[in-house]
Protein backbone atom coordinates (compact mmCIF):
# COMPACT_ATOMS: atom_id res chain seq x y z
CA MET A 1 94.40 120.16 118.80
CA LYS A 2 94.00 123.19 116.57
CA ILE A 3 96.19 125.13 114.21
CA LYS A 4 96.33 128.81 113.43
CA ILE A 5 95.95 129.86 109.82
CA ARG A 6 96.72 133.26 108.28
CA GLY A 7 93.92 135.80 108.55
CA SER A 8 92.88 134.58 112.02
CA ILE A 9 91.28 131.42 110.63
CA THR A 10 91.38 128.52 113.07
CA VAL A 11 90.76 125.05 111.67
CA TYR A 12 90.56 122.03 113.94
CA ILE A 13 92.81 119.12 112.98
CA PHE A 14 89.91 117.07 114.33
CA LEU A 15 88.19 117.54 110.98
CA LEU A 16 91.03 115.83 109.15
CA LEU A 17 92.13 113.30 111.73
CA CYS A 18 88.94 112.24 113.49
CA LEU A 19 85.93 113.00 111.29
CA SER A 20 86.74 110.57 108.52
CA ILE A 21 89.48 108.24 109.70
CA ASN A 22 88.09 104.76 110.14
CA ALA A 23 88.57 104.58 113.89
CA ALA A 24 86.75 101.27 114.27
CA MET A 25 88.96 99.54 111.74
CA ALA A 26 92.21 101.33 112.61
CA ASP A 27 92.36 100.52 116.32
CA ASP A 28 94.96 97.79 115.87
CA THR A 29 96.88 99.36 113.01
CA GLY A 30 97.06 103.07 113.69
CA LYS A 31 99.35 102.98 116.69
CA LYS A 32 102.58 104.93 116.48
CA VAL A 33 105.71 103.33 117.82
CA LYS A 34 107.37 105.63 120.31
CA ILE A 35 111.14 105.43 120.50
CA ASP A 36 112.32 105.34 124.10
CA GLU A 37 115.81 106.78 124.31
CA GLU A 38 116.24 105.06 127.68
CA ASP A 39 115.87 101.53 126.28
CA ASP A 40 118.89 99.26 126.61
CA VAL A 41 119.51 99.54 122.88
CA VAL A 42 117.79 102.04 120.59
CA LEU A 43 117.39 101.24 116.89
CA VAL A 44 116.22 103.66 114.19
CA LEU A 45 115.97 102.60 110.54
CA LYS A 46 115.65 105.34 107.91
CA PRO A 47 115.63 105.25 104.09
CA THR A 48 118.29 107.22 102.25
CA GLN A 49 115.66 108.48 99.79
CA LYS A 50 112.82 110.86 100.59
CA GLN A 51 109.51 109.08 101.20
CA ALA A 52 111.40 105.76 100.79
CA GLU A 53 111.01 106.12 97.01
CA TYR A 54 113.90 104.68 94.98
CA LYS A 55 114.76 104.60 91.29
CA ALA A 56 114.47 101.31 89.44
CA ASN A 57 117.60 99.21 89.05
CA VAL A 58 119.50 101.21 91.69
CA PRO A 59 120.54 99.64 95.04
CA VAL A 60 118.12 100.18 97.92
CA LYS A 61 119.93 101.74 100.88
CA TYR A 62 118.91 102.32 104.49
CA ILE A 63 120.75 103.78 107.47
CA LEU A 64 120.48 101.89 110.75
CA SER A 65 121.27 104.07 113.77
CA VAL A 66 122.18 102.07 116.87
CA LYS A 67 122.57 103.48 120.37
CA ASN A 68 123.90 101.18 123.10
CA ASN A 69 122.82 102.47 126.52
CA LEU A 70 124.24 99.44 128.32
CA LYS A 71 127.42 99.52 130.38
CA GLU A 72 128.58 96.38 128.60
CA ALA A 73 129.91 96.20 125.05
CA GLN A 74 127.68 94.35 122.58
CA SER A 75 128.54 92.15 119.63
CA GLY A 76 126.56 90.02 117.22
CA LYS A 77 125.15 90.30 113.73
CA ILE A 78 122.68 92.24 111.63
CA THR A 79 120.58 90.30 109.13
CA TYR A 80 118.67 92.36 106.57
CA ALA A 81 116.43 91.42 103.70
CA ILE A 82 114.26 92.73 100.87
CA ALA A 83 111.20 90.87 99.58
CA ASN A 84 108.43 91.43 97.07
CA PHE A 85 105.20 92.87 98.47
CA ASP A 86 103.69 89.36 98.50
CA TRP A 87 106.76 88.20 100.48
CA THR A 88 108.17 86.14 97.60
CA GLY A 89 111.70 86.49 96.22
CA LYS A 90 113.34 87.37 99.53
CA ILE A 91 117.06 88.24 99.35
CA ILE A 92 118.95 88.06 102.65
CA LYS A 93 122.28 89.60 103.64
CA GLU A 94 124.11 89.77 106.95
CA MET A 95 127.06 91.48 108.58
CA PRO A 96 128.84 91.38 111.96
CA VAL A 97 128.39 94.26 114.37
CA SER A 98 130.08 95.42 117.57
CA LEU A 99 129.20 98.28 119.91
CA ALA A 100 131.24 99.76 122.73
CA SER A 101 129.43 100.46 125.99
CA ASN A 102 127.35 103.66 126.02
CA SER A 103 128.08 104.32 122.36
CA SER A 104 126.27 105.10 119.12
CA ARG A 105 126.96 104.36 115.49
CA SER A 106 125.30 104.51 112.09
CA ILE A 107 125.44 101.53 109.76
CA SER A 108 124.75 101.62 106.02
CA LEU A 109 122.68 98.71 104.73
CA GLU A 110 122.67 98.15 100.97
CA LEU A 111 120.22 95.82 99.29
CA PRO A 112 120.10 94.75 95.62
CA ALA A 113 118.51 96.96 92.97
CA ARG A 114 114.89 96.13 92.25
CA ALA A 115 112.41 96.66 89.43
CA THR A 116 109.21 98.72 89.70
CA GLY A 117 107.12 97.76 92.73
CA ILE A 118 106.56 97.84 96.49
CA TYR A 119 108.99 95.90 98.69
CA HIS A 120 109.24 94.77 102.30
CA ILE A 121 112.42 95.57 104.23
CA GLU A 122 113.36 93.52 107.30
CA VAL A 123 116.27 94.08 109.68
CA PHE A 124 117.07 91.59 112.46
CA VAL A 125 119.53 92.75 115.12
CA ASN A 126 121.00 90.03 117.36
CA LEU A 127 123.39 91.28 120.06
CA THR A 128 124.90 89.82 123.21
CA GLU A 129 122.08 91.06 125.43
CA TYR A 130 119.53 92.42 122.96
CA ASP A 131 117.46 91.20 119.99
CA ASP A 132 115.01 93.16 117.87
CA THR A 133 113.34 93.22 114.46
CA LEU A 134 112.50 96.27 112.33
CA ARG A 135 110.13 96.15 109.37
CA LYS A 136 109.64 98.84 106.72
CA VAL A 137 108.30 99.21 103.19
CA CYS A 138 109.96 100.94 100.25
CA VAL A 139 108.80 101.94 96.78
CA VAL A 140 110.78 101.48 93.57
CA ASP A 141 109.88 103.58 90.52
CA PRO A 142 106.66 104.90 92.14
CA ARG A 143 105.23 106.45 88.98
CA GLY A 144 105.56 103.14 87.15
CA ILE A 145 103.21 101.22 89.46
CA ARG A 146 100.07 100.29 87.53
CA SER A 147 97.18 97.88 87.91
CA LYS A 148 96.89 94.78 85.78
CA TYR A 149 93.09 94.89 85.99
CA ALA A 150 91.04 96.76 83.39
CA ARG A 151 88.37 99.38 83.93
CA PRO A 152 84.87 98.24 82.85
CA ALA A 153 84.04 99.56 79.38
CA ASP A 154 80.69 100.90 80.60
CA PHE A 155 82.04 102.43 83.84
CA ASP A 156 81.32 106.05 82.91
CA GLN A 157 77.92 105.18 81.44
CA PHE A 158 76.92 103.34 84.62
CA TRP A 159 77.66 106.37 86.76
CA SER A 160 76.11 108.78 84.28
CA ASN A 161 72.89 106.76 84.46
CA THR A 162 73.10 106.68 88.26
CA LYS A 163 73.45 110.47 88.46
CA ALA A 164 70.50 110.82 86.10
CA ASP A 165 68.43 108.68 88.47
CA LEU A 166 69.48 110.89 91.39
CA ALA A 167 68.42 114.00 89.48
CA LYS A 168 64.89 112.59 89.26
CA VAL A 169 64.58 112.63 93.07
CA GLN A 170 63.32 115.94 94.44
CA PRO A 171 65.71 116.84 97.30
CA GLN A 172 63.06 118.45 99.55
CA TYR A 173 65.74 120.23 101.57
CA LYS A 174 64.89 120.91 105.18
CA ILE A 175 67.16 122.99 107.38
CA THR A 176 66.65 123.58 111.10
CA GLU A 177 68.68 125.94 113.25
CA ARG A 178 69.95 124.38 116.48
CA PRO A 179 70.62 127.39 118.74
CA GLU A 180 71.58 125.18 121.70
CA LEU A 181 74.63 124.02 119.70
CA ALA A 182 75.82 127.50 118.68
CA LYS A 183 79.17 128.73 120.00
CA ASN A 184 82.18 130.80 119.01
CA ASP A 185 80.00 133.05 116.81
CA LEU A 186 79.01 130.02 114.74
CA THR A 187 75.44 129.08 113.90
CA VAL A 188 74.66 125.36 113.67
CA TYR A 189 71.98 123.86 111.44
CA LEU A 190 70.69 120.32 111.06
CA PHE A 191 69.81 119.63 107.43
CA GLU A 192 68.08 116.74 105.74
CA MET A 193 67.30 115.89 102.14
CA LYS A 194 66.02 113.16 99.88
CA SER A 195 68.68 111.26 97.98
CA PHE A 196 69.01 108.34 95.57
CA GLY A 197 66.18 105.83 95.94
CA ASP A 198 64.16 108.41 97.90
CA VAL A 199 66.30 107.76 101.00
CA THR A 200 66.54 110.59 103.55
CA VAL A 201 70.04 111.58 104.65
CA ARG A 202 71.11 114.20 107.18
CA GLY A 203 74.07 116.26 108.22
CA TRP A 204 75.33 119.36 109.99
CA LEU A 205 76.06 122.82 108.63
CA THR A 206 78.10 125.30 110.67
CA ILE A 207 78.17 128.90 109.41
CA PRO A 208 79.96 131.94 110.88
CA LYS A 209 77.81 134.87 111.90
CA GLY A 210 78.82 137.37 109.23
CA LYS A 211 77.56 140.20 107.13
CA LYS A 212 74.19 139.99 105.42
CA ASN A 213 74.33 138.55 101.89
CA GLN A 214 77.86 137.22 102.44
CA LYS A 215 78.74 134.02 100.58
CA TRP A 216 80.90 131.57 102.51
CA PRO A 217 83.36 129.08 101.02
CA VAL A 218 82.35 125.53 101.95
CA TRP A 219 84.42 122.76 103.49
CA ILE A 220 82.65 119.38 103.24
CA GLY A 221 83.82 116.57 105.53
CA LEU A 222 82.90 113.07 104.37
CA PRO A 223 82.63 110.27 106.95
CA GLY A 224 84.78 107.23 107.54
CA TYR A 225 83.28 103.76 107.63
CA GLN A 226 80.32 103.72 110.06
CA ILE A 227 81.43 106.99 111.68
CA GLU A 228 78.73 109.42 112.86
CA SER A 229 79.22 113.06 111.91
CA LYS A 230 79.20 115.94 114.37
CA PRO A 231 79.00 119.72 113.95
CA ILE A 232 82.48 121.12 113.36
CA TYR A 233 83.52 124.32 115.10
CA GLY A 234 86.60 126.43 114.49
CA ALA A 235 86.45 127.84 110.96
CA ASN A 236 85.46 131.50 111.21
CA GLU A 237 85.79 132.40 107.52
CA MET A 238 84.07 129.42 105.92
CA ALA A 239 81.06 127.16 106.31
CA VAL A 240 81.63 123.53 107.30
CA LEU A 241 79.25 120.80 106.19
CA THR A 242 79.42 117.25 107.56
CA LEU A 243 77.30 114.43 106.18
CA ASP A 244 75.88 111.18 107.49
CA VAL A 245 75.50 109.02 104.39
CA ARG A 246 72.79 106.37 104.36
CA GLY A 247 73.22 103.70 107.00
CA GLN A 248 75.39 105.89 109.23
CA GLY A 249 74.76 108.28 112.11
CA MET A 250 71.49 110.17 111.70
CA SER A 251 70.69 108.56 108.33
CA LYS A 252 69.54 105.09 109.39
CA ASP A 253 65.83 105.42 108.60
CA VAL A 254 65.94 102.85 105.79
CA ILE A 255 69.35 101.20 106.08
CA SER A 256 70.80 100.07 109.39
CA VAL A 257 73.07 97.18 110.35
CA ALA A 258 73.44 95.50 113.73
CA ASN A 259 77.10 94.73 113.04
CA LYS A 260 78.98 97.56 111.36
CA LYS A 261 81.13 95.08 109.44
CA ASP A 262 78.02 94.00 107.51
CA PHE A 263 77.50 97.41 105.90
CA ILE A 264 80.15 96.92 103.23
CA ASN A 265 78.37 93.81 101.93
CA LEU A 266 74.86 95.26 101.55
CA GLY A 267 73.62 94.53 98.03
CA ILE A 268 77.12 93.64 96.86
CA GLU A 269 75.88 90.91 94.51
CA ASP A 270 74.89 93.49 91.87
CA LYS A 271 76.32 96.91 90.99
CA ASN A 272 72.79 98.33 90.77
CA THR A 273 71.89 97.29 94.32
CA TYR A 274 75.23 97.82 96.07
CA VAL A 275 74.90 100.20 99.02
CA TYR A 276 77.81 102.37 97.92
CA ARG A 277 75.93 103.33 94.77
CA GLY A 278 73.50 105.23 96.97
CA VAL A 279 76.24 106.39 99.36
CA LEU A 280 78.08 108.16 96.55
CA MET A 281 74.85 109.76 95.37
CA ASP A 282 74.33 111.02 98.95
CA CYS A 283 77.66 112.83 98.60
CA ILE A 284 76.60 114.40 95.30
CA ARG A 285 73.34 115.47 96.92
CA ALA A 286 75.40 117.22 99.60
CA ILE A 287 77.00 119.25 96.80
CA ASP A 288 73.50 119.95 95.46
CA PHE A 289 72.52 121.20 98.91
CA ALA A 290 75.56 123.46 99.23
CA CYS A 291 74.90 124.93 95.78
CA SER A 292 71.25 125.57 96.68
CA ARG A 293 72.08 127.81 99.65
CA PRO A 294 72.25 131.52 98.78
CA ASN A 295 74.82 132.17 101.54
CA LEU A 296 77.26 129.46 100.37
CA ASP A 297 79.76 129.97 97.55
CA SER A 298 79.19 127.24 94.95
CA GLU A 299 82.51 128.13 93.30
CA ALA A 300 84.59 127.52 96.45
CA ILE A 301 83.80 123.99 97.63
CA SER A 302 86.47 121.79 99.20
CA VAL A 303 85.92 118.16 100.21
CA THR A 304 87.99 116.08 102.57
CA GLY A 305 87.96 112.61 104.08
CA GLY A 306 90.14 109.84 105.44
CA SER A 307 90.01 106.06 105.03
CA ALA A 308 86.52 105.26 103.68
CA GLY A 309 85.92 109.02 103.73
CA GLY A 310 88.99 109.39 101.52
CA PHE A 311 87.39 106.99 99.06
CA LEU A 312 84.20 109.05 99.13
CA ALA A 313 86.07 112.33 98.63
CA LEU A 314 88.06 111.12 95.61
CA ALA A 315 85.12 109.29 94.04
CA LEU A 316 82.93 112.36 94.56
CA VAL A 317 85.27 114.75 92.76
CA SER A 318 85.56 112.18 89.98
CA LEU A 319 81.79 112.29 89.53
CA ASP A 320 81.11 115.99 90.20
CA ASN A 321 83.14 118.82 88.70
CA ARG A 322 81.57 121.44 90.95
CA VAL A 323 84.14 120.68 93.66
CA THR A 324 87.11 123.07 93.77
CA LEU A 325 89.58 121.06 95.90
CA CYS A 326 89.96 117.57 97.34
CA SER A 327 92.11 116.23 100.16
CA ALA A 328 92.05 112.52 100.96
CA ASP A 329 94.12 110.58 103.47
CA ASN A 330 94.67 106.82 103.59
CA PRO A 331 91.89 106.24 101.02
CA VAL A 332 90.66 102.65 100.83
CA PHE A 333 88.87 100.59 98.14
CA SER A 334 91.47 100.82 95.35
CA ASP A 335 92.38 97.97 92.97
CA TRP A 336 89.99 95.56 94.67
CA ARG A 337 91.07 92.49 92.72
CA SER A 338 94.66 92.70 93.94
CA LEU A 339 93.36 92.50 97.53
CA VAL A 340 91.88 89.02 97.09
CA GLY A 341 93.31 86.67 99.69
CA LYS A 342 94.37 89.43 102.09
CA LYS A 343 93.58 88.84 105.75
CA GLU A 344 92.82 92.49 106.52
CA TRP A 345 89.55 94.38 106.30
CA PRO A 346 87.75 95.00 104.02
CA MET A 347 88.54 92.10 101.70
CA SER A 348 88.52 89.57 104.53
CA ASP A 349 84.88 90.38 105.32
CA ILE A 350 83.90 90.58 101.66
CA GLU A 351 85.40 87.18 100.84
CA ALA A 352 83.71 85.61 103.87
CA HIS A 353 80.37 87.03 102.71
CA ALA A 354 80.92 85.89 99.12
CA LYS A 355 81.75 82.37 100.25
CA LYS A 356 78.54 82.20 102.28
CA ASP A 357 75.96 84.16 100.28
CA SER A 358 77.13 84.59 96.68
CA SER A 359 80.31 84.00 94.69
CA LEU A 360 83.61 85.88 94.63
CA PRO A 361 83.65 86.44 90.83
CA GLN A 362 80.16 87.94 91.08
CA VAL A 363 81.22 90.24 93.92
CA LEU A 364 84.40 91.33 92.14
CA ASN A 365 82.38 92.23 89.06
CA THR A 366 80.36 94.58 91.26
CA LEU A 367 83.42 96.05 92.96
CA ASP A 368 84.97 96.96 89.60
CA TYR A 369 82.39 99.78 89.48
CA PHE A 370 83.37 100.95 92.99
CA ASP A 371 87.13 100.74 92.54
CA LEU A 372 88.82 104.04 93.31
CA LYS A 373 91.47 103.60 90.63
CA ASN A 374 88.66 103.46 88.04
CA PHE A 375 87.10 106.73 89.23
CA VAL A 376 90.05 109.08 89.53
CA SER A 377 90.99 109.50 85.87
CA ASN A 378 87.99 111.85 85.65
CA ILE A 379 89.22 114.25 88.38
CA LYS A 380 89.52 117.88 87.27
CA CYS A 381 90.40 119.66 90.55
CA PRO A 382 93.66 119.78 92.57
CA VAL A 383 94.16 116.80 94.89
CA LEU A 384 96.20 116.38 98.07
CA MET A 385 96.79 112.92 99.56
CA GLY A 386 98.59 111.50 102.57
CA ILE A 387 99.42 107.81 103.03
CA GLY A 388 101.41 105.58 105.37
CA LEU A 389 103.69 102.98 103.79
CA LEU A 390 102.90 100.50 106.59
CA ASP A 391 99.12 100.78 106.11
CA PRO A 392 97.46 97.32 105.96
CA LEU A 393 93.98 98.70 105.21
CA ALA A 394 95.03 100.92 102.30
CA PRO A 395 98.21 99.15 101.14
CA PRO A 396 100.77 101.39 99.39
CA TYR A 397 100.64 99.30 96.21
CA ASN A 398 96.95 100.08 95.86
CA SER A 399 97.41 103.75 96.78
CA TYR A 400 100.14 104.30 94.19
CA ILE A 401 98.08 102.59 91.49
CA MET A 402 95.21 104.94 92.19
CA TYR A 403 97.37 108.06 92.56
CA ASN A 404 99.10 107.38 89.24
CA ASN A 405 95.69 107.42 87.53
CA ILE A 406 94.93 110.97 88.74
CA PRO A 407 95.61 113.53 86.01
CA GLY A 408 96.65 117.13 86.53
CA ASP A 409 97.44 118.96 89.78
CA LYS A 410 98.18 116.49 92.57
CA ILE A 411 100.40 116.04 95.63
CA MET A 412 100.94 112.91 97.71
CA HIS A 413 102.81 112.97 101.02
CA VAL A 414 104.19 109.56 101.95
CA TYR A 415 105.02 108.64 105.55
CA PRO A 416 107.33 105.58 105.68
CA ASP A 417 106.86 104.94 109.41
CA LEU A 418 103.06 105.26 109.65
CA THR A 419 100.16 102.86 109.22
CA HIS A 420 96.49 103.91 108.75
CA GLU A 421 97.07 107.48 109.90
CA ILE A 422 98.57 110.84 109.03
CA PRO A 423 100.74 113.07 111.24
CA ALA A 424 99.68 116.47 112.55
CA GLU A 425 102.08 118.23 110.19
CA HIS A 426 100.24 116.80 107.19
CA ALA A 427 96.92 118.11 108.49
CA HIS A 428 98.63 121.46 109.07
CA PHE A 429 99.91 121.49 105.48
CA ALA A 430 96.48 120.47 104.17
CA SER A 431 94.84 123.40 105.94
CA TYR A 432 97.31 125.90 104.47
CA TRP A 433 96.97 124.25 101.06
CA MET A 434 93.20 124.58 101.14
CA MET A 435 93.22 128.17 102.39
CA ASP A 436 95.77 129.21 99.77
CA HIS A 437 93.75 127.67 96.93
CA LEU A 438 90.56 129.32 98.17
CA GLY A 439 92.28 132.68 98.65
CA LEU A 440 91.55 132.85 102.38
CA TYR A 441 94.59 134.68 103.76
């Protein structure tokens, strides 16, 4: 799928939806539920407030639309409930319901006012010939959601020292044109460079064939968890750079795992040896590379990513002020300590590793330095985010905590019916948003 942008710029939604979204981890959670209007009974549950965000101490209201396609009238009851995000404190209400044959009606469901937090909504519909359950999530006082876990006092110093260590490594940039991959008036290059710890990382650079001495704005796509990058075609007024961080795609010379789930635990016992320390430096080195190229505009750099790539994008702009814009969708790895005990990836794999090879307190001490909520207070550029309220991999509680720590210019689009995904219209908006900020009309 592709979208048309003003000034004849075409940007593939693939870059936003496929490059960085954690496909391997989202297979079971990123499926959209299609409403079939021909079902016997059709149920649609919608919040009365935009993005399912409610004020504190005000009743939570939803509208349940019911369509009875059966020739027989239906009667029964609707049971609905609200519960804390950890499923405690559930409050249940119920009401009778009746439906004439081949009829529709809308039913208002009012639940008690709640304090600041994320809440589960459940609706059980039991009719004469039909039963179904709907589950949603709502947010109360979204800007008041904060973490109870502190940022390490030496967080900034740790990353300042890490960047200083990266600066000691000569990048030794190597760029090779790949004419067999060229198309649509775009030239494709394979690049490689030395990064933190003298590890070689590689990526792709796609540049339009333009005028001599022209400087191109740069769009950098950062990869999802264990996703291999590919050259990106479609942008005819900007360069596109995609990166394989260490241990992924073309950058497995030194670090490689047989089981992709093991990558997140590499060196996790110590913040100095954790694999993501080097991964984030690989991203900074990609900025170094872009700034070293005479035909790339170092003052017009946009980064994007989804899932683990969203983490990389937001952490990168927290560490490097050379980036102009950042868009991140369904970013993971925020407020690690609140994820303890969760059955979903990544904490499930991390806890299993800690139980076998180290200790959970030791691992959590490391993860404090790789917690997205602890990075983002340093962001200086505009940020655009998209999240799904039903996302089990990047839970909304953790996303709001992180988002509330971002200062300055920021936008977050919230999709109440989605999991670990964003809709096409968000990618469309993100493309316009980026082009407008970069002045590409």
